[in-house]
């Protein structure tokens, strides 16, 4: 396996991981009825269908950050693979 092929394989694997993280992000819901508080309580709270909007968005932001980092790594690997001579 050449270095170019290795970079392409790593890019594909990283893109897959990024997609899984982003699909996982879409499924996150923080219920207001949970046993453990997911964030510091404040007076400002939006509840939709028993889901704490602010806590959900905060948790989704963490997952989105990870997905974006992995996607960026995948793009970097793919760009390097394209630049390398055959």
Protein backbone atom coordinates (compact mmCIF):
# COMPACT_ATOMS: atom_id res chain seq x y z
CA UNK A 1 0.00 0.00 0.00
CA UNK A 2 1.41 3.36 -0.99
CA UNK A 3 1.44 6.37 1.29
CA UNK A 4 -1.15 8.02 -0.97
CA UNK A 5 -3.48 5.03 -0.64
CA UNK A 6 -2.94 5.03 3.11
CA UNK A 7 -3.90 8.70 3.36
CA UNK A 8 -7.01 8.07 1.27
CA UNK A 9 -8.00 5.16 3.52
CA UNK A 10 -7.46 7.25 6.64
CA UNK A 11 -9.55 10.05 5.10
CA UNK A 12 -12.39 7.63 4.34
CA UNK A 13 -12.30 6.20 7.87
CA UNK A 14 -12.25 9.66 9.43
CA UNK A 15 -15.15 10.78 7.23
CA UNK A 16 -17.12 7.73 8.38
CA UNK A 17 -16.40 8.52 12.05
CA UNK A 18 -17.41 12.13 11.47
CA UNK A 19 -20.70 11.04 9.89
CA UNK A 20 -21.44 8.73 12.82
CA UNK A 21 -20.76 11.57 15.26
CA UNK A 22 -23.05 13.93 13.35
CA UNK A 23 -25.85 11.36 13.16
CA UNK A 24 -25.37 10.77 16.88
CA UNK A 25 -25.63 14.51 17.48
CA UNK A 26 -29.03 14.61 15.82
CA UNK A 27 -30.34 11.97 18.24
CA UNK A 28 -29.29 13.77 21.46
CA UNK A 29 -32.17 14.86 23.66
CA UNK A 30 -31.74 15.96 27.29
CA UNK A 31 -34.96 15.31 29.17
CA UNK A 32 -36.11 17.63 31.92
CA UNK A 33 -37.14 14.58 33.92
CA UNK A 34 -33.65 13.02 34.18
CA UNK A 35 -32.23 12.05 37.56
CA UNK A 36 -29.02 14.02 37.04
CA UNK A 37 -28.93 17.70 36.21
CA UNK A 38 -27.19 18.10 32.86
CA UNK A 39 -26.26 21.74 33.40
CA UNK A 40 -26.39 24.46 36.00
CA UNK A 41 -29.96 25.42 36.65
CA UNK A 42 -31.03 28.96 35.85
CA UNK A 43 -34.26 30.83 35.49
CA UNK A 44 -33.99 30.75 31.69
CA UNK A 45 -35.22 27.44 30.37
CA UNK A 46 -37.04 26.39 27.23
CA UNK A 47 -38.84 23.06 27.37
CA UNK A 48 -40.24 21.43 24.24
CA UNK A 49 -41.77 17.94 24.44
CA UNK A 50 -40.11 17.36 27.86
CA UNK A 51 -36.70 18.22 26.36
CA UNK A 52 -34.52 20.95 27.87
CA UNK A 53 -33.58 23.00 24.81
CA UNK A 54 -30.50 24.73 26.26
CA UNK A 55 -29.03 21.55 27.79
CA UNK A 56 -29.67 19.67 24.54
CA UNK A 57 -27.99 22.35 22.43
CA UNK A 58 -24.99 22.45 24.80
CA UNK A 59 -24.51 18.68 24.55
CA UNK A 60 -25.01 18.71 20.78
CA UNK A 61 -22.34 21.43 20.50
CA UNK A 62 -19.80 19.09 22.13
CA UNK A 63 -20.58 16.31 19.67
CA UNK A 64 -20.57 18.76 16.72
CA UNK A 65 -17.14 20.02 17.77
CA UNK A 66 -15.76 16.47 17.71
CA UNK A 67 -17.41 15.70 14.37
CA UNK A 68 -16.03 18.89 12.82
CA UNK A 69 -12.50 18.14 14.05
CA UNK A 70 -12.61 14.63 12.59
CA UNK A 71 -14.09 15.95 9.32
CA UNK A 72 -11.31 18.51 9.11
CA UNK A 73 -8.73 15.78 9.65
CA UNK A 74 -10.36 13.74 6.88
CA UNK A 75 -10.25 16.72 4.51
CA UNK A 76 -6.60 17.34 5.35
CA UNK A 77 -5.68 13.70 4.66
CA UNK A 78 -7.59 13.75 1.38
CA UNK A 79 -5.96 17.01 0.31
CA UNK A 80 -2.51 15.60 1.05
CA UNK A 81 -3.34 12.46 -0.90
CA UNK A 82 -4.40 14.56 -3.89
CA UNK A 83 -1.23 16.68 -3.78
CA UNK A 84 1.13 13.71 -3.69
CA UNK A 85 2.39 12.46 -7.04
CA UNK A 86 1.13 9.10 -8.23
